[in-house]
N, C-alpha and C. Protein backbone atom coordinates (compact mmCIF):
# COMPACT_ATOMS: atom_id res chain seq x y z
N MET A 1 0.97 -1.34 0.01
CA MET A 1 0.02 -0.03 0.09
C MET A 1 0.98 1.30 0.01
N SER A 2 0.88 2.13 -0.86
CA SER A 2 1.47 3.19 -1.02
C SER A 2 0.56 4.48 -0.12
N ILE A 3 1.33 4.88 0.70
CA ILE A 3 0.61 6.16 1.72
C ILE A 3 1.41 7.30 1.62
N VAL A 4 0.77 8.47 1.38
CA VAL A 4 0.99 9.70 1.47
C VAL A 4 0.83 10.48 2.80
N PHE A 5 1.67 10.89 3.63
CA PHE A 5 1.56 11.51 4.60
C PHE A 5 1.38 12.88 4.61
N ILE A 6 0.40 13.68 4.93
CA ILE A 6 0.33 15.17 4.46
C ILE A 6 0.49 15.91 5.90
N GLU A 7 1.40 16.67 6.04
CA GLU A 7 1.40 17.09 7.60
C GLU A 7 1.88 18.42 7.47
N TYR A 8 1.90 19.14 8.79
CA TYR A 8 2.55 20.31 8.98
C TYR A 8 3.57 20.08 10.30
N PRO A 9 4.78 19.77 9.97
CA PRO A 9 5.97 19.20 10.96
C PRO A 9 5.84 19.91 12.45
N LYS A 10 5.34 21.07 12.60
CA LYS A 10 5.09 21.59 13.92
C LYS A 10 3.94 21.31 14.44
N CYS A 11 3.19 20.71 13.86
CA CYS A 11 1.74 20.45 14.42
C CYS A 11 1.91 19.09 15.22
N THR A 12 1.29 19.20 16.72
CA THR A 12 1.71 18.01 17.55
C THR A 12 0.75 16.93 17.26
N THR A 13 -0.28 17.08 16.69
CA THR A 13 -1.00 15.88 16.30
C THR A 13 -0.44 15.27 14.95
N CYS A 14 0.23 15.93 14.20
CA CYS A 14 1.00 15.43 13.17
C CYS A 14 2.26 14.47 13.66
N ILE A 15 2.73 14.99 14.62
CA ILE A 15 3.88 14.57 15.13
C ILE A 15 3.63 13.12 15.84
N LYS A 16 2.53 13.07 16.42
CA LYS A 16 2.03 11.92 17.04
C LYS A 16 1.66 10.94 15.78
N ALA A 17 1.08 11.30 14.77
CA ALA A 17 0.57 10.45 13.66
C ALA A 17 1.86 10.00 13.09
N LYS A 18 2.83 10.92 12.85
CA LYS A 18 4.12 10.23 12.14
C LYS A 18 4.80 9.17 12.89
N LYS A 19 4.78 9.35 14.37
CA LYS A 19 5.23 8.42 15.17
C LYS A 19 4.46 7.00 15.13
N PHE A 20 3.04 7.08 14.95
CA PHE A 20 2.39 5.79 14.83
C PHE A 20 2.83 5.11 13.73
N LEU A 21 2.88 5.88 12.54
CA LEU A 21 3.34 5.36 11.22
C LEU A 21 4.72 4.46 11.18
N GLU A 22 5.64 5.17 12.10
CA GLU A 22 7.04 4.74 12.15
C GLU A 22 7.06 3.53 12.97
N TYR A 23 6.27 3.57 14.21
CA TYR A 23 6.32 2.49 15.02
C TYR A 23 5.75 1.23 14.53
N ASN A 24 4.62 1.52 13.60
CA ASN A 24 4.06 0.59 12.94
C ASN A 24 4.80 0.02 11.73
N GLU A 25 5.96 0.74 11.56
CA GLU A 25 6.63 0.22 10.27
C GLU A 25 5.94 0.36 8.83
N LEU A 26 5.07 1.38 8.79
CA LEU A 26 4.37 1.82 7.70
C LEU A 26 5.05 2.68 6.83
N GLU A 27 5.60 2.26 5.50
CA GLU A 27 6.38 3.15 4.81
C GLU A 27 5.38 4.25 4.23
N PHE A 28 6.00 5.48 4.19
CA PHE A 28 4.93 6.64 3.54
C PHE A 28 6.08 7.46 2.93
N THR A 29 5.27 8.34 2.15
CA THR A 29 6.03 9.46 1.71
C THR A 29 5.40 10.81 2.38
N ASP A 30 6.37 11.45 2.80
CA ASP A 30 6.21 12.76 3.58
C ASP A 30 5.79 13.90 2.46
N ARG A 31 4.77 14.70 2.91
CA ARG A 31 4.49 16.08 2.27
C ARG A 31 4.09 17.07 3.16
N HIS A 32 4.79 18.22 2.99
CA HIS A 32 4.52 19.43 3.86
C HIS A 32 3.45 20.05 3.14
N ILE A 33 2.42 20.34 4.15
CA ILE A 33 1.05 20.86 3.63
C ILE A 33 1.15 22.39 3.32
N VAL A 34 2.14 22.91 3.88
CA VAL A 34 2.29 24.39 3.32
C VAL A 34 3.10 24.76 2.10
N GLU A 35 4.27 23.92 2.24
CA GLU A 35 5.22 23.93 1.09
C GLU A 35 4.48 23.44 -0.24
N ASN A 36 3.72 22.43 0.03
CA ASN A 36 3.16 21.74 -1.25
C ASN A 36 1.84 21.63 -0.98
N LYS A 37 1.11 22.72 -0.98
CA LYS A 37 -0.29 22.76 -0.48
C LYS A 37 -1.07 21.88 -1.58
N PRO A 38 -2.28 21.28 -1.28
CA PRO A 38 -3.11 20.60 -1.76
C PRO A 38 -3.89 21.42 -2.96
N THR A 39 -4.29 20.89 -4.15
CA THR A 39 -4.89 21.68 -5.27
C THR A 39 -6.27 21.37 -5.12
N LYS A 40 -6.99 22.27 -5.88
CA LYS A 40 -8.42 22.20 -5.64
C LYS A 40 -8.86 20.67 -6.00
N ASP A 41 -8.36 20.24 -7.19
CA ASP A 41 -8.59 18.75 -7.99
C ASP A 41 -8.19 17.88 -6.73
N GLU A 42 -6.89 17.95 -6.09
CA GLU A 42 -6.76 16.77 -5.03
C GLU A 42 -7.64 16.88 -3.70
N LEU A 43 -8.26 17.93 -3.63
CA LEU A 43 -9.19 18.16 -2.51
C LEU A 43 -10.32 17.50 -2.73
N ARG A 44 -10.71 17.70 -3.96
CA ARG A 44 -12.11 17.19 -4.42
C ARG A 44 -11.85 15.76 -4.62
N GLU A 45 -10.76 15.24 -5.03
CA GLU A 45 -10.58 13.85 -5.07
C GLU A 45 -10.53 13.10 -3.58
N TRP A 46 -9.91 13.99 -2.68
CA TRP A 46 -9.90 13.20 -1.48
C TRP A 46 -11.25 13.33 -0.63
N LEU A 47 -12.03 14.47 -0.82
CA LEU A 47 -13.21 14.51 -0.44
C LEU A 47 -14.26 13.33 -0.64
N ILE A 48 -14.09 13.12 -1.93
CA ILE A 48 -14.87 11.72 -2.46
C ILE A 48 -14.44 10.56 -1.81
N LYS A 49 -13.16 10.25 -1.93
CA LYS A 49 -12.65 9.13 -1.25
C LYS A 49 -12.84 8.97 0.15
N SER A 50 -12.93 10.11 0.95
CA SER A 50 -13.00 9.93 2.28
C SER A 50 -14.30 9.63 2.78
N GLY A 51 -15.30 10.36 1.93
CA GLY A 51 -16.80 10.07 2.12
C GLY A 51 -17.28 11.15 3.28
N LEU A 52 -16.37 12.17 3.62
CA LEU A 52 -16.64 13.09 4.63
C LEU A 52 -17.22 14.29 4.09
N ASN A 53 -17.91 15.16 5.05
CA ASN A 53 -18.52 16.27 4.72
C ASN A 53 -17.14 17.18 4.45
N ILE A 54 -17.09 18.24 3.48
CA ILE A 54 -16.04 19.25 3.30
C ILE A 54 -15.94 20.03 4.62
N ASN A 55 -16.73 20.18 5.41
CA ASN A 55 -16.22 20.79 6.53
C ASN A 55 -15.30 20.38 7.61
N LYS A 56 -15.20 18.97 7.25
CA LYS A 56 -14.32 18.17 8.05
C LYS A 56 -12.78 18.40 7.56
N PHE A 57 -12.77 19.04 6.36
CA PHE A 57 -11.25 19.38 5.90
C PHE A 57 -10.71 20.53 6.36
N PHE A 58 -11.54 21.57 7.07
CA PHE A 58 -11.20 22.71 7.50
C PHE A 58 -10.51 22.53 8.82
N ASN A 59 -9.23 23.29 9.02
CA ASN A 59 -8.50 23.37 10.23
C ASN A 59 -9.23 24.41 11.08
N THR A 60 -10.22 24.11 11.79
CA THR A 60 -11.40 25.10 12.66
C THR A 60 -10.43 25.54 13.59
N SER A 61 -9.31 25.02 13.97
CA SER A 61 -8.53 25.66 15.23
C SER A 61 -7.52 26.82 15.03
N GLY A 62 -7.42 26.75 13.30
CA GLY A 62 -6.39 27.36 13.06
C GLY A 62 -6.60 29.20 13.35
N LYS A 63 -5.46 29.90 13.17
CA LYS A 63 -5.56 31.32 13.28
C LYS A 63 -6.27 31.83 12.00
N LEU A 64 -5.85 31.40 10.79
CA LEU A 64 -6.16 31.72 9.43
C LEU A 64 -7.66 31.40 9.36
N TYR A 65 -8.18 30.34 9.81
CA TYR A 65 -9.64 30.19 9.80
C TYR A 65 -10.37 31.20 10.60
N ARG A 66 -9.89 31.52 11.78
CA ARG A 66 -10.62 32.63 12.32
C ARG A 66 -10.48 34.18 11.86
N GLU A 67 -9.16 34.19 11.25
CA GLU A 67 -9.12 35.57 10.56
C GLU A 67 -10.02 35.70 9.33
N MET A 68 -10.15 34.77 8.67
CA MET A 68 -10.89 34.91 7.35
C MET A 68 -12.65 34.58 8.03
N GLU A 69 -12.74 34.38 9.09
CA GLU A 69 -14.19 34.44 9.47
C GLU A 69 -14.86 33.37 8.84
N LEU A 70 -14.43 32.02 8.73
CA LEU A 70 -15.01 31.01 8.00
C LEU A 70 -16.02 30.20 8.67
N LYS A 71 -15.98 30.22 9.95
CA LYS A 71 -17.10 29.75 10.68
C LYS A 71 -18.48 29.99 10.14
N ASP A 72 -18.88 30.92 9.74
CA ASP A 72 -20.02 31.31 9.16
C ASP A 72 -20.38 30.98 7.60
N LYS A 73 -19.08 31.32 6.82
CA LYS A 73 -18.93 31.02 5.53
C LYS A 73 -19.09 29.68 5.16
N VAL A 74 -18.55 28.66 6.01
CA VAL A 74 -18.62 27.10 5.71
C VAL A 74 -20.32 26.82 5.60
N LYS A 75 -20.87 27.63 6.29
CA LYS A 75 -22.16 26.98 6.18
C LYS A 75 -23.19 27.64 4.94
N VAL A 76 -22.47 28.71 4.35
CA VAL A 76 -23.64 29.11 3.23
C VAL A 76 -22.93 28.97 1.97
N LEU A 77 -21.35 28.56 1.72
CA LEU A 77 -20.89 28.84 0.38
C LEU A 77 -21.15 27.18 -0.10
N ASP A 78 -21.19 26.90 -1.41
CA ASP A 78 -21.23 25.64 -1.98
C ASP A 78 -19.85 24.94 -2.08
N GLN A 79 -19.97 23.75 -2.50
CA GLN A 79 -18.63 22.92 -2.05
C GLN A 79 -17.56 23.38 -3.26
N GLU A 80 -17.85 23.73 -4.31
CA GLU A 80 -16.98 24.24 -4.99
C GLU A 80 -16.18 25.62 -4.50
N GLU A 81 -16.84 26.48 -3.80
CA GLU A 81 -16.36 27.79 -3.35
C GLU A 81 -15.54 27.20 -2.06
N LEU A 82 -15.91 26.25 -1.20
CA LEU A 82 -15.14 25.93 -0.22
C LEU A 82 -13.74 25.48 -0.61
N LEU A 83 -13.73 24.70 -1.57
CA LEU A 83 -12.79 23.86 -2.20
C LEU A 83 -11.67 24.85 -2.73
N GLU A 84 -12.12 25.81 -3.26
CA GLU A 84 -11.40 27.02 -3.82
C GLU A 84 -10.54 27.72 -2.53
N ILE A 85 -11.21 27.79 -1.41
CA ILE A 85 -10.90 28.48 -0.24
C ILE A 85 -9.80 27.58 0.33
N LEU A 86 -10.03 26.33 0.33
CA LEU A 86 -8.99 25.50 0.99
C LEU A 86 -7.73 25.31 0.26
N SER A 87 -7.88 25.44 -1.05
CA SER A 87 -6.80 25.29 -1.91
C SER A 87 -5.99 26.35 -1.90
N THR A 88 -6.22 27.62 -1.21
CA THR A 88 -5.43 28.93 -1.29
C THR A 88 -4.34 28.71 -0.12
N ASP A 89 -4.33 27.73 0.84
CA ASP A 89 -3.35 27.95 2.00
C ASP A 89 -3.77 26.47 2.61
N GLY A 90 -2.47 25.85 2.69
CA GLY A 90 -2.38 24.69 3.40
C GLY A 90 -2.59 24.87 4.96
N MET A 91 -2.43 25.90 5.61
CA MET A 91 -2.86 26.08 6.91
C MET A 91 -4.33 26.15 7.15
N LEU A 92 -5.33 26.12 6.16
CA LEU A 92 -6.62 26.10 6.26
C LEU A 92 -6.98 24.71 6.25
N VAL A 93 -6.18 23.82 5.94
CA VAL A 93 -6.73 22.21 5.87
C VAL A 93 -6.11 21.62 7.09
N LYS A 94 -7.10 20.85 7.43
CA LYS A 94 -7.07 19.98 8.82
C LYS A 94 -6.06 18.86 8.28
N ARG A 95 -5.33 18.52 9.48
CA ARG A 95 -4.08 17.84 9.06
C ARG A 95 -3.96 16.89 10.57
N PRO A 96 -3.30 15.75 10.51
CA PRO A 96 -2.67 15.12 9.29
C PRO A 96 -3.57 14.48 8.23
N ILE A 97 -3.12 14.16 6.92
CA ILE A 97 -3.99 13.56 6.19
C ILE A 97 -3.19 12.35 5.65
N ILE A 98 -3.96 11.22 5.46
CA ILE A 98 -3.33 9.96 4.86
C ILE A 98 -3.96 9.79 3.51
N VAL A 99 -3.26 9.67 2.59
CA VAL A 99 -3.96 9.36 1.28
C VAL A 99 -3.41 7.99 0.64
N THR A 100 -4.14 7.05 0.33
CA THR A 100 -3.64 5.96 -0.10
C THR A 100 -4.72 5.77 -1.48
N ASP A 101 -4.44 4.56 -2.29
CA ASP A 101 -5.15 4.51 -3.54
C ASP A 101 -6.72 4.15 -3.19
N GLU A 102 -6.89 3.82 -1.91
CA GLU A 102 -8.28 3.38 -1.43
C GLU A 102 -8.92 4.43 -0.48
N ILE A 103 -8.19 4.97 0.17
CA ILE A 103 -8.61 5.65 1.27
C ILE A 103 -8.21 7.03 1.73
N VAL A 104 -8.88 7.82 2.33
CA VAL A 104 -8.47 9.17 2.78
C VAL A 104 -8.78 9.39 4.29
N LEU A 105 -7.86 9.51 5.09
CA LEU A 105 -8.01 9.71 6.37
C LEU A 105 -7.63 11.29 6.83
N VAL A 106 -8.61 11.96 7.47
CA VAL A 106 -8.36 13.51 7.85
C VAL A 106 -8.24 13.38 9.36
N GLY A 107 -7.14 13.99 9.97
CA GLY A 107 -6.89 14.17 11.35
C GLY A 107 -6.41 12.74 12.01
N PHE A 108 -5.84 12.63 13.10
CA PHE A 108 -5.33 11.58 13.72
C PHE A 108 -6.31 10.93 14.73
N LYS A 109 -6.90 9.89 14.39
CA LYS A 109 -7.69 9.08 15.31
C LYS A 109 -7.08 7.62 15.25
N GLU A 110 -6.38 7.15 16.42
CA GLU A 110 -5.52 6.17 16.23
C GLU A 110 -6.06 4.80 15.86
N GLU A 111 -7.34 4.63 16.68
CA GLU A 111 -8.20 3.31 16.59
C GLU A 111 -8.63 3.38 15.02
N GLN A 112 -8.95 4.43 14.33
CA GLN A 112 -9.43 4.39 12.91
C GLN A 112 -8.25 4.37 11.95
N TRP A 113 -7.02 4.80 12.33
CA TRP A 113 -5.82 4.50 11.58
C TRP A 113 -5.39 2.96 11.71
N VAL A 114 -5.59 2.21 12.73
CA VAL A 114 -5.12 1.00 13.06
C VAL A 114 -6.24 -0.07 12.13
N GLU A 115 -7.45 0.38 12.33
CA GLU A 115 -8.54 -0.40 11.34
C GLU A 115 -8.25 -0.23 9.83
N LYS A 116 -7.71 1.16 9.39
CA LYS A 116 -7.78 1.37 8.08
C LYS A 116 -6.14 0.81 7.40
N LEU A 117 -5.23 1.09 8.18
CA LEU A 117 -3.91 0.85 7.48
C LEU A 117 -3.24 -0.45 7.76
N LYS A 118 -3.69 -1.16 8.78
CA LYS A 118 -3.24 -2.63 9.22
C LYS A 118 -3.69 -3.75 8.50
């Protein structure tokens, strides 16, 4: 299984998730979410693969999310507009993200990762 691990290296949750991958000897390709931000097309594909609501892709605890006052906007904008916003800055995107050929996992929930990656 080919795993892409999308992270922000200073994020404590990303650090825990990376340790999980390494501890479980899962090979992965590392991708810095700010230096190599997700494109609108990638986000659309991940959204479909994940089966999640687009709101789950937003880093709601981030400074930029608050500065852009997205809390109310995510309730009224359509999916294409929200994908456009997400693609503008990696700091808007919830992380870490795991992408394989079959699955996309957003955020680090160890039980879910054990179930899906082992």
